[in-house]
Amino acid sequence: MNGALNEWRLAVAEQLRERGLNVVTAMESARTARWREAVVAVSLSGVACAAGGFQDYLGVWTDPESGKERELYGREAELTLALDVFAPRDGGEGVCQRAAETVAECLVCRGAAGVATLEIRAGRVEFLETEGLYRQEISCRCRAWLAARMDDEAGAFVDFEVKGRLK
């Protein structure tokens, strides 16, 4: 994954790291043995878009550096994050639950990297026998705008961004 959605997902991962959590953006079972504490794997599990404006036209944006105006296009989107919390066998179920609670609290109180959180759902903690890990699944639905600026000279969309309503 690359582009604006990947940048947003990486920003969410960094936000959770700032709360003291171990965070990865891809969890490979071969690497799980090295974790002695809980770890959160962050991925994008869903994107649903709605029309932004007429033909997705949102208005005009003025570049603060050049003062040049560019057309802004976009769509309202509902983005869903999948956050899998893993904890080692010797850490127990409680370690997994505490990390999941930290994730949920951070996303509810601060949003997901500036994007408003609509809903968080947490599953039950389960033990994955083959991996030797506890896991708790969390899903986080967010409302954002996927926006792009039109480069008049190239006639193409540039500067794709995920924009939220939180600052």
Protein backbone atom coordinates (compact mmCIF):
# COMPACT_ATOMS: atom_id res chain seq x y z
CA MET A 1 0.00 0.00 0.00
CA ASN A 2 1.31 3.46 -0.84
CA GLY A 3 0.00 6.97 -1.17
CA ALA A 4 -2.31 8.97 1.06
CA LEU A 5 -3.99 6.00 2.74
CA ASN A 6 -0.65 4.45 3.62
CA GLU A 7 0.60 7.77 5.02
CA TRP A 8 -2.51 7.99 7.19
CA ARG A 9 -2.09 4.39 8.42
CA LEU A 10 1.56 5.11 9.27
CA ALA A 11 0.49 8.27 11.13
CA VAL A 12 -1.98 6.22 13.19
CA ALA A 13 0.82 3.75 14.00
CA GLU A 14 3.08 6.62 15.11
CA GLN A 15 0.28 8.08 17.26
CA LEU A 16 -0.06 4.73 19.07
CA ARG A 17 3.74 4.49 19.50
CA GLU A 18 3.63 7.88 21.22
CA ARG A 19 1.29 6.29 23.76
CA GLY A 20 4.00 3.75 24.59
CA LEU A 21 2.72 0.83 22.52
CA ASN A 22 4.79 -1.46 20.29
CA VAL A 23 3.26 -0.99 16.84
CA VAL A 24 3.87 -2.62 13.47
CA THR A 25 2.11 -2.16 10.16
CA ALA A 26 2.53 -5.81 9.13
CA MET A 27 2.67 -8.80 11.44
CA GLU A 28 4.51 -11.86 10.26
CA SER A 29 4.17 -14.96 12.43
CA ALA A 30 7.89 -15.77 12.07
CA ARG A 31 8.74 -12.48 13.81
CA THR A 32 6.31 -12.86 16.71
CA ALA A 33 8.75 -14.82 18.85
CA ARG A 34 10.88 -11.70 19.37
CA TRP A 35 8.08 -9.73 21.06
CA ARG A 36 8.12 -9.99 24.87
CA GLU A 37 5.38 -7.40 25.31
CA ALA A 38 2.08 -6.65 23.60
CA VAL A 39 2.27 -5.43 20.00
CA VAL A 40 -0.39 -3.80 17.84
CA ALA A 41 -0.60 -4.54 14.10
CA VAL A 42 -2.31 -1.68 12.20
CA SER A 43 -3.88 -2.23 8.80
CA LEU A 44 -6.56 -0.66 6.63
CA SER A 45 -9.48 -3.06 6.28
CA GLY A 46 -12.11 -0.98 4.52
CA VAL A 47 -12.81 2.14 2.46
CA ALA A 48 -16.32 3.27 1.50
CA CYS A 49 -16.72 6.49 -0.48
CA ALA A 50 -19.60 8.89 -1.03
CA ALA A 51 -19.78 11.70 -3.56
CA GLY A 52 -18.10 14.90 -2.42
CA GLY A 53 -19.76 17.64 -4.42
CA PHE A 54 -20.88 18.13 -8.00
CA GLN A 55 -18.61 15.78 -9.99
CA ASP A 56 -16.56 15.55 -6.74
CA TYR A 57 -15.63 19.25 -7.05
CA LEU A 58 -15.07 20.75 -3.59
CA GLY A 59 -13.86 24.22 -4.47
CA VAL A 60 -10.66 26.16 -4.91
CA TRP A 61 -7.51 25.84 -2.81
CA THR A 62 -4.86 28.56 -2.62
CA ASP A 63 -1.27 27.37 -2.35
CA PRO A 64 0.19 29.25 0.64
CA GLU A 65 3.68 29.37 -0.93
CA SER A 66 2.89 30.49 -4.47
CA GLY A 67 -0.52 32.08 -3.97
CA LYS A 68 -1.74 30.13 -7.01
CA GLU A 69 -5.28 28.78 -6.97
CA ARG A 70 -5.95 25.13 -7.79
CA GLU A 71 -9.17 23.19 -7.99
CA LEU A 72 -9.84 20.76 -5.15
CA TYR A 73 -11.72 17.51 -5.68
CA GLY A 74 -12.62 14.81 -3.22
CA ARG A 75 -14.97 12.33 -1.70
CA GLU A 76 -16.24 11.74 1.77
CA ALA A 77 -14.97 8.37 2.94
CA GLU A 78 -15.52 5.96 5.76
CA LEU A 79 -12.19 4.33 6.55
CA THR A 80 -11.93 1.23 8.73
CA LEU A 81 -8.76 0.29 10.54
CA ALA A 82 -8.08 -3.24 11.76
CA LEU A 83 -5.91 -3.20 14.86
CA ASP A 84 -4.84 -6.63 16.07
CA VAL A 85 -3.34 -6.65 19.54
CA PHE A 86 -0.99 -9.58 20.18
CA ALA A 87 0.56 -10.58 23.51
CA PRO A 88 2.95 -13.42 24.34
CA ARG A 89 1.77 -16.51 26.19
CA ASP A 90 3.75 -15.63 29.32
CA GLY A 91 2.27 -12.11 29.36
CA GLY A 92 -1.23 -13.48 29.64
CA GLU A 93 -4.63 -12.28 28.57
CA GLY A 94 -4.42 -9.20 30.81
CA VAL A 95 -1.46 -7.76 28.89
CA CYS A 96 -3.45 -8.09 25.68
CA GLN A 97 -6.51 -6.43 27.21
CA ARG A 98 -4.56 -3.50 28.70
CA ALA A 99 -2.90 -2.77 25.36
CA ALA A 100 -6.29 -2.96 23.60
CA GLU A 101 -7.76 -0.52 26.12
CA THR A 102 -4.89 1.90 25.49
CA VAL A 103 -5.53 1.66 21.73
CA ALA A 104 -9.27 2.30 22.16
CA GLU A 105 -8.77 5.20 24.56
CA CYS A 106 -6.22 6.86 22.28
CA LEU A 107 -8.44 6.59 19.20
CA VAL A 108 -11.60 7.74 21.00
CA CYS A 109 -9.95 10.73 22.68
CA ARG A 110 -7.56 11.86 19.92
CA GLY A 111 -9.10 10.46 16.76
CA ALA A 112 -7.05 8.43 14.30
CA ALA A 113 -4.21 10.74 13.24
CA GLY A 114 -6.55 13.73 13.13
CA VAL A 115 -9.49 11.88 11.59
CA ALA A 116 -12.72 11.68 13.60
CA THR A 117 -13.50 8.26 15.09
CA LEU A 118 -17.08 7.12 14.55
CA GLU A 119 -16.99 3.72 16.24
CA ILE A 120 -14.61 1.31 17.89
CA ARG A 121 -15.42 -2.37 18.31
CA ALA A 122 -13.30 -4.81 20.25
CA GLY A 123 -13.58 -8.57 20.06
CA ARG A 124 -12.79 -11.01 22.82
CA VAL A 125 -9.28 -12.06 23.63
CA GLU A 126 -8.44 -15.43 22.12
CA PHE A 127 -5.40 -17.65 22.37
CA LEU A 128 -3.78 -18.68 19.10
CA GLU A 129 -2.29 -22.06 19.95
CA THR A 130 -0.20 -22.39 16.78
CA GLU A 131 1.37 -18.95 17.31
CA GLY A 132 1.58 -19.11 21.10
CA LEU A 133 0.01 -15.65 21.31
CA TYR A 134 -3.07 -13.98 22.70
CA ARG A 135 -4.93 -11.80 20.22
CA GLN A 136 -7.70 -9.22 20.48
CA GLU A 137 -9.15 -7.69 17.34
CA ILE A 138 -10.21 -4.04 17.29
CA SER A 139 -11.90 -2.24 14.42
CA CYS A 140 -12.06 1.53 14.19
CA ARG A 141 -14.41 3.30 11.76
CA CYS A 142 -13.48 6.86 10.86
CA ARG A 143 -14.98 9.61 8.70
CA ALA A 144 -12.59 11.50 6.47
CA TRP A 145 -12.22 13.21 3.12
CA LEU A 146 -10.04 11.84 0.36
CA ALA A 147 -8.95 15.00 -1.39
CA ALA A 148 -6.85 15.72 -4.47
CA ARG A 149 -5.74 18.92 -6.13
CA MET A 150 -5.90 19.41 -9.89
CA ASP A 151 -2.65 20.43 -11.55
CA ASP A 152 -3.85 22.71 -14.34
CA GLU A 153 -0.65 22.39 -16.34
CA ALA A 154 -0.52 18.58 -16.28
CA GLY A 155 -4.30 18.14 -16.27
CA ALA A 156 -3.98 15.45 -13.61
CA PHE A 157 -4.81 14.99 -9.95
CA VAL A 158 -1.91 15.53 -7.56
CA ASP A 159 -1.35 15.79 -3.81
CA PHE A 160 -3.78 13.13 -2.62
CA GLU A 161 -4.53 13.50 1.11
CA VAL A 162 -6.67 12.00 3.84
CA LYS A 163 -8.26 14.91 5.65
CA GLY A 164 -10.17 14.77 8.90
CA ARG A 165 -12.15 17.10 11.05
CA LEU A 166 -9.91 17.03 14.14
CA LYS A 167 -6.88 19.24 14.66
